[in-house]
Amino acid sequence: MTFTILFVGSGNVGRSVLAADLVVRELHRIWPRSADEVVALSAGVDAIDGMPLPPNLETVARRRGLDLGDHRATAMSRALAERADLVLTMTRKQRAQIVLQYPALRPRTFAFLEFLALLANATEVRRRQPIGRGERLEARLRLVVTAAAGRQRALPAPADERQWDLFDPYAYSLDIYETVAATIEGAAHALVADVAVLTGTRGSSSASRTA
């Protein structure tokens, strides 16, 4: 079996594309055979199928060793919804839109930065009792999603809910793209680091986040 992560943005020509590739790279860094068990896809709630990436996105991707030149936008669809084991949206508004349109996805749909906060919270609780140790990576990830969802009531919402939104740099300057890309890159690293801690692959959150 494989575990499918679906990253959802607006036009699927920016944040969601970069997030998918950076998370895949981080997974491969800790689990070299992760490609056999994890599939990362991306889509957009307002995407126009076939739309190419803007040059600024390609530039910040290349700076991070990624070649996204062949990517073309994909609109969110029921087929993608049915395939997804975890949906990570770029904003909380997009999360609300997804769960309204596809109610079955509610237990496994989160804003990307919200999911990161939930993982960090779950890591503090489960550090001494890892989940899924010895299981295949795809099985561990299913347990991680359940653990994160279980922390939603325990995690207070930020004073400003926009804190869990990733700014959309589309049509902005290269400097803005770079700022957003750096945030996504850090979030991808932290997400996979916390997964490693939760599943007993790494011993401490601080060590994993700085690896």
N, C-alpha and C. Protein backbone atom coordinates (compact mmCIF):
# COMPACT_ATOMS: atom_id res chain seq x y z
N MET A 1 0.84 -1.20 0.00
CA MET A 1 0.00 0.00 0.00
C MET A 1 0.87 1.25 0.00
N THR A 2 0.31 2.33 -0.48
CA THR A 2 1.00 3.61 -0.46
C THR A 2 0.15 4.61 0.33
N PHE A 3 0.82 5.66 0.78
CA PHE A 3 0.17 6.74 1.52
C PHE A 3 0.25 7.97 0.63
N THR A 4 -0.91 8.58 0.35
CA THR A 4 -0.95 9.72 -0.56
C THR A 4 -1.20 11.01 0.20
N ILE A 5 -0.26 11.95 0.05
CA ILE A 5 -0.41 13.29 0.63
C ILE A 5 -0.80 14.23 -0.50
N LEU A 6 -1.87 14.95 -0.32
CA LEU A 6 -2.34 15.91 -1.32
C LEU A 6 -2.19 17.32 -0.78
N PHE A 7 -1.37 18.11 -1.44
CA PHE A 7 -1.16 19.51 -1.06
C PHE A 7 -2.07 20.37 -1.93
N VAL A 8 -2.88 21.20 -1.27
CA VAL A 8 -3.88 21.97 -2.00
C VAL A 8 -3.68 23.46 -1.79
N GLY A 9 -3.55 24.18 -2.91
CA GLY A 9 -3.45 25.62 -2.86
C GLY A 9 -4.57 26.25 -3.65
N SER A 10 -4.30 27.42 -4.18
CA SER A 10 -5.31 28.11 -4.97
C SER A 10 -5.19 27.73 -6.45
N GLY A 11 -4.16 28.23 -7.12
CA GLY A 11 -4.01 27.94 -8.55
C GLY A 11 -3.13 26.76 -8.86
N ASN A 12 -2.50 26.14 -7.82
CA ASN A 12 -1.58 25.02 -7.99
C ASN A 12 -0.41 25.37 -8.92
N VAL A 13 0.06 26.61 -8.77
CA VAL A 13 1.25 27.03 -9.51
C VAL A 13 2.24 27.74 -8.58
N GLY A 14 2.15 27.42 -7.28
CA GLY A 14 3.03 28.08 -6.33
C GLY A 14 3.27 27.27 -5.08
N ARG A 15 2.64 27.68 -3.97
CA ARG A 15 2.91 27.09 -2.66
C ARG A 15 2.73 25.58 -2.61
N SER A 16 1.62 25.09 -3.13
CA SER A 16 1.32 23.66 -3.03
C SER A 16 2.33 22.81 -3.79
N VAL A 17 2.79 23.32 -4.92
CA VAL A 17 3.77 22.59 -5.74
C VAL A 17 5.10 22.49 -5.00
N LEU A 18 5.54 23.62 -4.47
CA LEU A 18 6.81 23.66 -3.75
C LEU A 18 6.74 22.81 -2.48
N ALA A 19 5.63 22.89 -1.76
CA ALA A 19 5.48 22.12 -0.52
C ALA A 19 5.56 20.62 -0.80
N ALA A 20 4.89 20.17 -1.85
CA ALA A 20 4.90 18.75 -2.18
C ALA A 20 6.32 18.24 -2.43
N ASP A 21 7.07 18.97 -3.24
CA ASP A 21 8.42 18.50 -3.58
C ASP A 21 9.38 18.59 -2.40
N LEU A 22 9.24 19.62 -1.57
CA LEU A 22 10.13 19.75 -0.42
C LEU A 22 9.85 18.69 0.64
N VAL A 23 8.58 18.35 0.85
CA VAL A 23 8.26 17.29 1.81
C VAL A 23 8.77 15.95 1.31
N VAL A 24 8.61 15.69 0.02
CA VAL A 24 9.14 14.45 -0.56
C VAL A 24 10.64 14.36 -0.34
N ARG A 25 11.34 15.46 -0.58
CA ARG A 25 12.80 15.46 -0.40
C ARG A 25 13.18 15.20 1.06
N GLU A 26 12.44 15.80 1.99
CA GLU A 26 12.73 15.58 3.41
C GLU A 26 12.44 14.14 3.83
N LEU A 27 11.37 13.57 3.32
CA LEU A 27 11.07 12.17 3.61
C LEU A 27 12.19 11.26 3.10
N HIS A 28 12.67 11.54 1.90
CA HIS A 28 13.72 10.72 1.31
C HIS A 28 15.02 10.84 2.11
N ARG A 29 15.24 11.99 2.72
CA ARG A 29 16.45 12.20 3.50
C ARG A 29 16.51 11.27 4.71
N ILE A 30 15.36 11.03 5.32
CA ILE A 30 15.31 10.17 6.52
C ILE A 30 14.95 8.73 6.16
N TRP A 31 14.07 8.58 5.19
CA TRP A 31 13.66 7.24 4.74
C TRP A 31 14.00 7.14 3.24
N PRO A 32 15.19 6.69 2.88
CA PRO A 32 15.62 6.68 1.48
C PRO A 32 14.69 5.95 0.52
N ARG A 33 13.91 4.99 1.03
CA ARG A 33 12.99 4.24 0.16
C ARG A 33 11.56 4.75 0.29
N SER A 34 11.39 5.97 0.77
CA SER A 34 10.05 6.50 1.00
C SER A 34 9.22 6.58 -0.29
N ALA A 35 9.87 6.72 -1.43
CA ALA A 35 9.13 6.82 -2.69
C ALA A 35 8.33 5.55 -2.98
N ASP A 36 8.71 4.44 -2.38
CA ASP A 36 7.98 3.20 -2.57
C ASP A 36 6.67 3.17 -1.78
N GLU A 37 6.56 4.06 -0.79
CA GLU A 37 5.41 4.01 0.10
C GLU A 37 4.60 5.30 0.18
N VAL A 38 5.19 6.42 -0.24
CA VAL A 38 4.52 7.72 -0.11
C VAL A 38 4.45 8.41 -1.47
N VAL A 39 3.27 8.88 -1.81
CA VAL A 39 3.05 9.65 -3.03
C VAL A 39 2.60 11.05 -2.64
N ALA A 40 3.22 12.07 -3.20
CA ALA A 40 2.83 13.46 -2.94
C ALA A 40 2.26 14.06 -4.21
N LEU A 41 1.04 14.56 -4.12
CA LEU A 41 0.36 15.20 -5.24
C LEU A 41 0.00 16.62 -4.85
N SER A 42 -0.34 17.44 -5.82
CA SER A 42 -0.79 18.79 -5.52
C SER A 42 -1.92 19.18 -6.46
N ALA A 43 -2.75 20.10 -5.98
CA ALA A 43 -3.89 20.56 -6.77
C ALA A 43 -4.28 21.94 -6.26
N GLY A 44 -5.22 22.58 -6.96
CA GLY A 44 -5.68 23.90 -6.55
C GLY A 44 -7.19 24.00 -6.59
N VAL A 45 -7.76 24.67 -5.59
CA VAL A 45 -9.22 24.81 -5.54
C VAL A 45 -9.71 25.74 -6.64
N ASP A 46 -8.85 26.62 -7.13
CA ASP A 46 -9.22 27.52 -8.22
C ASP A 46 -8.32 27.33 -9.45
N ALA A 47 -7.70 26.19 -9.55
CA ALA A 47 -6.71 25.96 -10.60
C ALA A 47 -7.35 25.85 -11.98
N ILE A 48 -6.58 26.31 -12.97
CA ILE A 48 -6.93 26.11 -14.37
C ILE A 48 -6.01 25.01 -14.89
N ASP A 49 -6.58 23.88 -15.22
CA ASP A 49 -5.77 22.74 -15.66
C ASP A 49 -4.81 23.14 -16.77
N GLY A 50 -3.54 22.73 -16.59
CA GLY A 50 -2.55 22.95 -17.63
C GLY A 50 -1.77 24.24 -17.52
N MET A 51 -2.11 25.10 -16.57
CA MET A 51 -1.41 26.37 -16.44
C MET A 51 0.03 26.14 -15.98
N PRO A 52 1.02 26.79 -16.60
CA PRO A 52 2.42 26.60 -16.22
C PRO A 52 2.80 27.41 -14.98
N LEU A 53 3.96 27.12 -14.44
CA LEU A 53 4.46 27.83 -13.27
C LEU A 53 4.95 29.22 -13.66
N PRO A 54 4.81 30.19 -12.76
CA PRO A 54 5.40 31.51 -13.02
C PRO A 54 6.92 31.42 -12.88
N PRO A 55 7.67 32.25 -13.59
CA PRO A 55 9.14 32.19 -13.53
C PRO A 55 9.70 32.33 -12.12
N ASN A 56 9.09 33.16 -11.28
CA ASN A 56 9.63 33.34 -9.93
C ASN A 56 9.57 32.05 -9.11
N LEU A 57 8.54 31.27 -9.31
CA LEU A 57 8.44 30.00 -8.58
C LEU A 57 9.53 29.04 -9.05
N GLU A 58 9.75 29.00 -10.35
CA GLU A 58 10.82 28.14 -10.88
C GLU A 58 12.18 28.58 -10.34
N THR A 59 12.37 29.88 -10.18
CA THR A 59 13.65 30.39 -9.68
C THR A 59 13.90 29.96 -8.24
N VAL A 60 12.91 30.16 -7.36
CA VAL A 60 13.13 29.79 -5.95
C VAL A 60 13.24 28.27 -5.80
N ALA A 61 12.58 27.53 -6.68
CA ALA A 61 12.71 26.07 -6.66
C ALA A 61 14.12 25.65 -7.06
N ARG A 62 14.65 26.25 -8.13
CA ARG A 62 16.01 25.92 -8.56
C ARG A 62 17.03 26.23 -7.48
N ARG A 63 16.83 27.30 -6.75
CA ARG A 63 17.74 27.66 -5.67
C ARG A 63 17.78 26.58 -4.59
N ARG A 64 16.75 25.76 -4.57
CA ARG A 64 16.66 24.67 -3.59
C ARG A 64 16.90 23.31 -4.24
N GLY A 65 17.44 23.33 -5.43
CA GLY A 65 17.79 22.09 -6.11
C GLY A 65 16.63 21.35 -6.71
N LEU A 66 15.51 22.02 -6.92
CA LEU A 66 14.32 21.38 -7.46
C LEU A 66 14.07 21.84 -8.89
N ASP A 67 13.69 20.93 -9.74
CA ASP A 67 13.32 21.25 -11.12
C ASP A 67 11.83 21.02 -11.29
N LEU A 68 11.06 22.09 -11.32
CA LEU A 68 9.60 21.99 -11.41
C LEU A 68 9.08 22.43 -12.77
N GLY A 69 9.98 22.58 -13.73
CA GLY A 69 9.62 23.14 -15.02
C GLY A 69 8.53 22.39 -15.77
N ASP A 70 8.40 21.09 -15.52
CA ASP A 70 7.39 20.30 -16.25
C ASP A 70 6.02 20.33 -15.59
N HIS A 71 5.92 20.96 -14.42
CA HIS A 71 4.64 20.97 -13.71
C HIS A 71 3.59 21.79 -14.45
N ARG A 72 2.38 21.28 -14.45
CA ARG A 72 1.23 22.00 -14.95
C ARG A 72 0.11 21.90 -13.92
N ALA A 73 -0.64 22.97 -13.78
CA ALA A 73 -1.67 23.04 -12.74
C ALA A 73 -2.72 21.95 -12.89
N THR A 74 -3.18 21.48 -11.73
CA THR A 74 -4.25 20.47 -11.69
C THR A 74 -5.35 20.97 -10.77
N ALA A 75 -6.58 20.95 -11.25
CA ALA A 75 -7.71 21.38 -10.43
C ALA A 75 -8.10 20.29 -9.44
N MET A 76 -8.50 20.70 -8.24
CA MET A 76 -8.99 19.76 -7.25
C MET A 76 -10.18 19.01 -7.81
N SER A 77 -10.24 17.71 -7.52
CA SER A 77 -11.32 16.88 -8.07
C SER A 77 -11.73 15.81 -7.08
N ARG A 78 -12.87 15.21 -7.32
CA ARG A 78 -13.33 14.12 -6.46
C ARG A 78 -12.37 12.93 -6.53
N ALA A 79 -11.80 12.67 -7.68
CA ALA A 79 -10.86 11.56 -7.81
C ALA A 79 -9.66 11.77 -6.91
N LEU A 80 -9.14 12.99 -6.85
CA LEU A 80 -8.02 13.28 -5.96
C LEU A 80 -8.44 13.18 -4.50
N ALA A 81 -9.63 13.66 -4.20
CA ALA A 81 -10.13 13.59 -2.83
C ALA A 81 -10.23 12.14 -2.36
N GLU A 82 -10.72 11.27 -3.21
CA GLU A 82 -10.89 9.87 -2.84
C GLU A 82 -9.55 9.16 -2.68
N ARG A 83 -8.53 9.69 -3.33
CA ARG A 83 -7.22 9.05 -3.27
C ARG A 83 -6.40 9.49 -2.06
N ALA A 84 -6.71 10.66 -1.50
CA ALA A 84 -5.86 11.28 -0.48
C ALA A 84 -6.01 10.63 0.90
N ASP A 85 -4.87 10.34 1.51
CA ASP A 85 -4.83 9.88 2.90
C ASP A 85 -4.58 11.03 3.86
N LEU A 86 -4.02 12.11 3.35
CA LEU A 86 -3.79 13.34 4.12
C LEU A 86 -3.86 14.50 3.15
N VAL A 87 -4.63 15.52 3.50
CA VAL A 87 -4.74 16.73 2.68
C VAL A 87 -4.18 17.89 3.49
N LEU A 88 -3.23 18.59 2.92
CA LEU A 88 -2.63 19.76 3.56
C LEU A 88 -2.87 20.97 2.67
N THR A 89 -3.67 21.90 3.17
CA THR A 89 -4.01 23.10 2.41
C THR A 89 -3.06 24.24 2.79
N MET A 90 -2.99 25.23 1.94
CA MET A 90 -2.10 26.35 2.20
C MET A 90 -2.72 27.39 3.13
N THR A 91 -4.05 27.37 3.26
CA THR A 91 -4.74 28.29 4.17
C THR A 91 -5.88 27.56 4.87
N ARG A 92 -6.34 28.14 5.96
CA ARG A 92 -7.49 27.54 6.66
C ARG A 92 -8.78 27.71 5.86
N LYS A 93 -8.87 28.78 5.08
CA LYS A 93 -10.05 28.95 4.23
C LYS A 93 -10.14 27.82 3.20
N GLN A 94 -9.01 27.44 2.64
CA GLN A 94 -9.00 26.33 1.69
C GLN A 94 -9.37 25.03 2.40
N ARG A 95 -8.91 24.86 3.63
CA ARG A 95 -9.30 23.67 4.39
C ARG A 95 -10.82 23.62 4.55
N ALA A 96 -11.42 24.74 4.93
CA ALA A 96 -12.87 24.79 5.09
C ALA A 96 -13.58 24.47 3.78
N GLN A 97 -13.04 24.97 2.70
CA GLN A 97 -13.64 24.72 1.39
C GLN A 97 -13.58 23.24 1.02
N ILE A 98 -12.44 22.61 1.32
CA ILE A 98 -12.27 21.19 1.00
C ILE A 98 -13.22 20.33 1.81
N VAL A 99 -13.30 20.56 3.12
CA VAL A 99 -14.15 19.69 3.94
C VAL A 99 -15.63 19.94 3.68
N LEU A 100 -15.98 21.16 3.23
CA LEU A 100 -17.37 21.43 2.86
C LEU A 100 -17.73 20.66 1.60
N GLN A 101 -16.81 20.63 0.65
CA GLN A 101 -17.08 19.96 -0.62
C GLN A 101 -16.94 18.45 -0.52
N TYR A 102 -15.99 18.00 0.34
CA TYR A 102 -15.73 16.57 0.50
C TYR A 102 -15.75 16.23 1.99
N PRO A 103 -16.92 16.09 2.60
CA PRO A 103 -17.03 15.90 4.05
C PRO A 103 -16.24 14.71 4.59
N ALA A 104 -16.07 13.67 3.80
CA ALA A 104 -15.34 12.49 4.26
C ALA A 104 -13.87 12.79 4.55
N LEU A 105 -13.38 13.89 4.00
CA LEU A 105 -11.97 14.25 4.20
C LEU A 105 -11.72 14.99 5.51
N ARG A 106 -12.76 15.37 6.22
CA ARG A 106 -12.60 16.20 7.41
C ARG A 106 -11.56 15.67 8.40
N PRO A 107 -11.56 14.36 8.75
CA PRO A 107 -10.60 13.89 9.76
C PRO A 107 -9.14 13.92 9.31
N ARG A 108 -8.90 14.10 8.03
CA ARG A 108 -7.53 14.05 7.54
C ARG A 108 -7.16 15.24 6.67
N THR A 109 -7.84 16.36 6.91
CA THR A 109 -7.55 17.59 6.18
C THR A 109 -7.18 18.69 7.16
N PHE A 110 -6.04 19.33 6.90
CA PHE A 110 -5.52 20.36 7.79
C PHE A 110 -4.85 21.45 6.94
N ALA A 111 -4.81 22.66 7.48
CA ALA A 111 -3.91 23.65 6.90
C ALA A 111 -2.49 23.17 7.20
N PHE A 112 -1.58 23.37 6.27
CA PHE A 112 -0.21 22.87 6.39
C PHE A 112 0.43 23.31 7.71
N LEU A 113 0.39 24.61 8.02
CA LEU A 113 1.01 25.09 9.24
C LEU A 113 0.24 24.67 10.49
N GLU A 114 -1.06 24.48 10.36
CA GLU A 114 -1.85 23.93 11.46
C GLU A 114 -1.40 22.50 11.77
N PHE A 115 -1.22 21.71 10.74
CA PHE A 115 -0.78 20.33 10.93
C PHE A 115 0.58 20.29 11.60
N LEU A 116 1.45 21.20 11.23
CA LEU A 116 2.76 21.28 11.84
C LEU A 116 2.64 21.57 13.34
N ALA A 117 1.75 22.48 13.71
CA ALA A 117 1.54 22.79 15.14
C ALA A 117 0.97 21.58 15.88
N LEU A 118 0.06 20.86 15.24
CA LEU A 118 -0.52 19.66 15.87
C LEU A 118 0.53 18.58 16.06
N LEU A 119 1.41 18.41 15.07
CA LEU A 119 2.48 17.42 15.19
C LEU A 119 3.42 17.77 16.34
N ALA A 120 3.78 19.05 16.43
CA ALA A 120 4.67 19.48 17.51
C ALA A 120 4.03 19.20 18.85
N ASN A 121 2.73 19.45 18.97
CA ASN A 121 2.01 19.19 20.22
C ASN A 121 1.95 17.70 20.51
N ALA A 122 1.68 16.89 19.50
CA ALA A 122 1.62 15.44 19.68
C ALA A 122 2.98 14.88 20.05
N THR A 123 4.04 15.47 19.49
CA THR A 123 5.39 15.02 19.79
C THR A 123 5.71 15.18 21.26
N GLU A 124 5.27 16.29 21.85
CA GLU A 124 5.53 16.52 23.28
C GLU A 124 4.84 15.46 24.13
N VAL A 125 3.66 15.03 23.69
CA VAL A 125 2.87 14.04 24.45
C VAL A 125 3.42 12.63 24.27
N ARG A 126 3.86 12.30 23.02
CA ARG A 126 4.20 10.91 22.70
C ARG A 126 5.70 10.65 22.62
N ARG A 127 6.53 11.58 23.05
CA ARG A 127 7.98 11.43 22.86
C ARG A 127 8.50 10.14 23.47
N ARG A 128 7.98 9.75 24.64
CA ARG A 128 8.48 8.55 25.33
C ARG A 128 7.77 7.28 24.88
N GLN A 129 6.78 7.42 24.05
CA GLN A 129 6.04 6.25 23.57
C GLN A 129 5.75 6.40 22.08
N PRO A 130 6.77 6.14 21.25
CA PRO A 130 6.60 6.33 19.80
C PRO A 130 5.47 5.47 19.26
N ILE A 131 4.88 5.93 18.16
CA ILE A 131 3.80 5.18 17.53
C ILE A 131 4.28 4.56 16.23
N GLY A 132 3.86 3.35 15.98
CA GLY A 132 4.16 2.71 14.70
C GLY A 132 5.59 2.24 14.52
N ARG A 133 6.37 2.20 15.59
CA ARG A 133 7.76 1.76 15.43
C ARG A 133 7.79 0.35 14.86
N GLY A 134 8.60 0.15 13.84
CA GLY A 134 8.70 -1.17 13.21
C GLY A 134 7.74 -1.38 12.07
N GLU A 135 6.74 -0.49 11.94
CA GLU A 135 5.77 -0.60 10.85
C GLU A 135 6.35 -0.01 9.57
N ARG A 136 5.73 -0.32 8.44
CA ARG A 136 6.08 0.35 7.20
C ARG A 136 5.79 1.84 7.34
N LEU A 137 6.50 2.65 6.57
CA LEU A 137 6.33 4.09 6.66
C LEU A 137 4.89 4.51 6.39
N GLU A 138 4.25 3.91 5.40
CA GLU A 138 2.88 4.31 5.09
C GLU A 138 1.95 4.02 6.26
N ALA A 139 2.20 2.93 6.99
CA ALA A 139 1.38 2.61 8.15
C ALA A 139 1.66 3.59 9.29
N ARG A 140 2.92 3.97 9.46
CA ARG A 140 3.27 4.95 10.48
C ARG A 140 2.58 6.28 10.21
N LEU A 141 2.55 6.68 8.95
CA LEU A 141 1.95 7.96 8.60
C LEU A 141 0.45 7.98 8.90
N ARG A 142 -0.21 6.86 8.71
CA ARG A 142 -1.64 6.81 9.04
C ARG A 142 -1.84 7.03 10.54
N LEU A 143 -0.96 6.45 11.35
CA LEU A 143 -1.03 6.64 12.79
C LEU A 143 -0.70 8.08 13.18
N VAL A 144 0.23 8.69 12.46
CA VAL A 144 0.60 10.08 12.72
C VAL A 144 -0.59 11.01 12.47
N VAL A 145 -1.31 10.78 11.38
CA VAL A 145 -2.48 11.61 11.07
C VAL A 145 -3.52 11.48 12.18
N THR A 146 -3.75 10.27 12.65
CA THR A 146 -4.70 10.05 13.74
C THR A 146 -4.25 10.77 15.00
N ALA A 147 -2.95 10.70 15.29
CA ALA A 147 -2.41 11.35 16.49
C ALA A 147 -2.56 12.87 16.39
N ALA A 148 -2.29 13.42 15.23
CA ALA A 148 -2.41 14.86 15.05
C ALA A 148 -3.87 15.30 15.19
N ALA A 149 -4.77 14.56 14.56
CA ALA A 149 -6.19 14.90 14.65
C ALA A 149 -6.67 14.86 16.10
N GLY A 150 -6.12 13.93 16.88
CA GLY A 150 -6.50 13.79 18.27
C GLY A 150 -6.05 14.93 19.16
N ARG A 151 -5.15 15.77 18.65
CA ARG A 151 -4.65 16.91 19.44
C ARG A 151 -5.38 18.20 19.11
N GLN A 152 -6.35 18.17 18.22
CA GLN A 152 -6.99 19.42 17.78
C GLN A 152 -7.67 20.17 18.91
N ARG A 153 -8.32 19.46 19.81
CA ARG A 153 -8.99 20.14 20.92
C ARG A 153 -8.00 20.60 21.97
N ALA A 154 -6.86 19.93 22.05
CA ALA A 154 -5.86 20.29 23.06
C ALA A 154 -5.01 21.47 22.63
N LEU A 155 -5.00 21.75 21.34
CA LEU A 155 -4.16 22.83 20.82
C LEU A 155 -4.98 24.10 20.67
N PRO A 156 -4.66 25.14 21.43
CA PRO A 156 -5.42 26.39 21.30
C PRO A 156 -5.16 27.04 19.94
N ALA A 157 -6.19 27.61 19.38
CA ALA A 157 -6.02 28.32 18.12
C ALA A 157 -5.18 29.57 18.37
N PRO A 158 -4.39 29.97 17.40
CA PRO A 158 -3.58 31.18 17.58
C PRO A 158 -4.47 32.42 17.69
N ALA A 159 -3.95 33.45 18.33
CA ALA A 159 -4.72 34.69 18.48
C ALA A 159 -5.14 35.23 17.12
N ASP A 160 -4.27 35.08 16.16
CA ASP A 160 -4.58 35.49 14.78
C ASP A 160 -4.52 34.24 13.91
N GLU A 161 -5.68 33.78 13.44
CA GLU A 161 -5.73 32.53 12.69
C GLU A 161 -4.96 32.61 11.37
N ARG A 162 -4.65 33.82 10.92
CA ARG A 162 -3.83 33.95 9.72
C ARG A 162 -2.41 33.43 9.94
N GLN A 163 -2.08 33.21 11.20
CA GLN A 163 -0.77 32.63 11.52
C GLN A 163 -0.61 31.26 10.89
N TRP A 164 -1.71 30.58 10.66
CA TRP A 164 -1.69 29.25 10.05
C TRP A 164 -1.91 29.30 8.54
N ASP A 165 -1.84 30.47 7.96
CA ASP A 165 -1.98 30.62 6.51
C ASP A 165 -0.63 30.94 5.89
N LEU A 166 -0.35 30.33 4.75
CA LEU A 166 0.83 30.65 3.97
C LEU A 166 0.46 31.70 2.94
N PHE A 167 1.17 32.81 2.96
CA PHE A 167 0.88 33.91 2.04
C PHE A 167 1.05 33.45 0.60
N ASP A 168 0.13 33.88 -0.26
CA ASP A 168 0.20 33.53 -1.68
C ASP A 168 1.05 34.57 -2.40
N PRO A 169 2.23 34.19 -2.93
CA PRO A 169 3.12 35.16 -3.56
C PRO A 169 2.81 35.44 -5.03
N TYR A 170 1.77 34.81 -5.56
CA TYR A 170 1.51 34.92 -7.00
C TYR A 170 1.41 36.39 -7.42
N ALA A 171 2.17 36.74 -8.47
CA ALA A 171 2.20 38.09 -9.04
C ALA A 171 3.00 39.07 -8.19
N TYR A 172 3.64 38.58 -7.13
CA TYR A 172 4.50 39.45 -6.33
C TYR A 172 5.96 39.31 -6.80
N SER A 173 6.84 40.05 -6.13
CA SER A 173 8.25 40.08 -6.53
C SER A 173 8.98 38.79 -6.15
N LEU A 174 10.16 38.63 -6.72
CA LEU A 174 10.99 37.47 -6.41
C LEU A 174 11.34 37.43 -4.93
N ASP A 175 11.53 38.58 -4.30
CA ASP A 175 11.85 38.62 -2.87
C ASP A 175 10.71 38.03 -2.05
N ILE A 176 9.48 38.33 -2.42
CA ILE A 176 8.33 37.77 -1.70
C ILE A 176 8.27 36.27 -1.92
N TYR A 177 8.50 35.82 -3.14
CA TYR A 177 8.54 34.38 -3.41
C TYR A 177 9.60 33.70 -2.54
N GLU A 178 10.74 34.34 -2.42
CA GLU A 178 11.83 33.75 -1.64
C GLU A 178 11.45 33.65 -0.16
N THR A 179 10.79 34.65 0.37
CA THR A 179 10.35 34.61 1.76
C THR A 179 9.36 33.47 2.00
N VAL A 180 8.40 33.33 1.10
CA VAL A 180 7.40 32.26 1.23
C VAL A 180 8.05 30.90 1.06
N ALA A 181 8.97 30.79 0.09
CA ALA A 181 9.66 29.52 -0.14
C ALA A 181 10.47 29.10 1.07
N ALA A 182 11.13 30.06 1.72
CA ALA A 182 11.91 29.75 2.92
C ALA A 182 11.01 29.25 4.04
N THR A 183 9.83 29.84 4.17
CA THR A 183 8.87 29.39 5.19
C THR A 183 8.42 27.97 4.91
N ILE A 184 8.10 27.68 3.65
CA ILE A 184 7.65 26.34 3.28
C ILE A 184 8.77 25.33 3.48
N GLU A 185 9.99 25.70 3.12
CA GLU A 185 11.13 24.80 3.29
C GLU A 185 11.33 24.45 4.77
N GLY A 186 11.25 25.45 5.64
CA GLY A 186 11.38 25.20 7.06
C GLY A 186 10.25 24.34 7.60
N ALA A 187 9.04 24.58 7.11
CA ALA A 187 7.90 23.80 7.55
C ALA A 187 8.00 22.34 7.11
N ALA A 188 8.48 22.13 5.88
CA ALA A 188 8.65 20.76 5.38
C ALA A 188 9.65 20.00 6.23
N HIS A 189 10.76 20.67 6.57
CA HIS A 189 11.78 20.03 7.41
C HIS A 189 11.21 19.70 8.78
N ALA A 190 10.51 20.66 9.40
CA ALA A 190 9.97 20.44 10.73
C ALA A 190 8.90 19.35 10.74
N LEU A 191 8.07 19.32 9.70
CA LEU A 191 7.02 18.30 9.63
C LEU A 191 7.62 16.90 9.62
N VAL A 192 8.57 16.68 8.74
CA VAL A 192 9.16 15.34 8.62
C VAL A 192 9.98 15.01 9.87
N ALA A 193 10.63 16.01 10.46
CA ALA A 193 11.38 15.77 11.69
C ALA A 193 10.45 15.29 12.80
N ASP A 194 9.28 15.92 12.92
CA ASP A 194 8.34 15.50 13.97
C ASP A 194 7.74 14.13 13.68
N VAL A 195 7.52 13.82 12.42
CA VAL A 195 7.06 12.47 12.07
C VAL A 195 8.11 11.45 12.51
N ALA A 196 9.38 11.78 12.29
CA ALA A 196 10.46 10.88 12.68
C ALA A 196 10.48 10.66 14.19
N VAL A 197 10.26 11.73 14.96
CA VAL A 197 10.24 11.59 16.41
C VAL A 197 9.02 10.78 16.86
N LEU A 198 7.86 11.10 16.31
CA LEU A 198 6.64 10.40 16.70
C LEU A 198 6.70 8.91 16.42
N THR A 199 7.42 8.53 15.38
CA THR A 199 7.47 7.12 15.00
C THR A 199 8.74 6.43 15.50
N GLY A 200 9.51 7.13 16.33
CA GLY A 200 10.69 6.50 16.93
C GLY A 200 11.88 6.39 16.02
N THR A 201 11.87 7.13 14.88
CA THR A 201 13.01 7.09 13.97
C THR A 201 14.13 7.98 14.47
N ARG A 202 13.77 9.07 15.12
CA ARG A 202 14.74 9.99 15.71
C ARG A 202 14.41 10.15 17.18
N GLY A 203 15.41 10.46 17.95
CA GLY A 203 15.22 10.45 19.40
C GLY A 203 14.62 11.69 20.01
N SER A 204 14.81 12.86 19.41
CA SER A 204 14.27 14.07 20.03
C SER A 204 13.86 15.06 18.96
N SER A 205 12.84 15.85 19.30
CA SER A 205 12.34 16.81 18.33
C SER A 205 13.39 17.85 17.98
N SER A 206 14.12 18.34 18.96
CA SER A 206 15.09 19.38 18.69
C SER A 206 16.21 18.86 17.79
N ALA A 207 16.65 17.61 18.03
CA ALA A 207 17.70 17.04 17.20
C ALA A 207 17.22 16.84 15.78
N SER A 208 15.97 16.39 15.63
CA SER A 208 15.45 16.12 14.30
C SER A 208 15.23 17.41 13.52
N ARG A 209 14.79 18.45 14.19
CA ARG A 209 14.50 19.70 13.50
C ARG A 209 15.74 20.40 13.02
N THR A 210 16.89 20.06 13.61
CA THR A 210 18.12 20.72 13.21
C THR A 210 19.04 19.78 12.44
N ALA A 211 18.57 18.60 12.09
CA ALA A 211 19.40 17.62 11.40
C ALA A 211 19.75 18.09 10.00
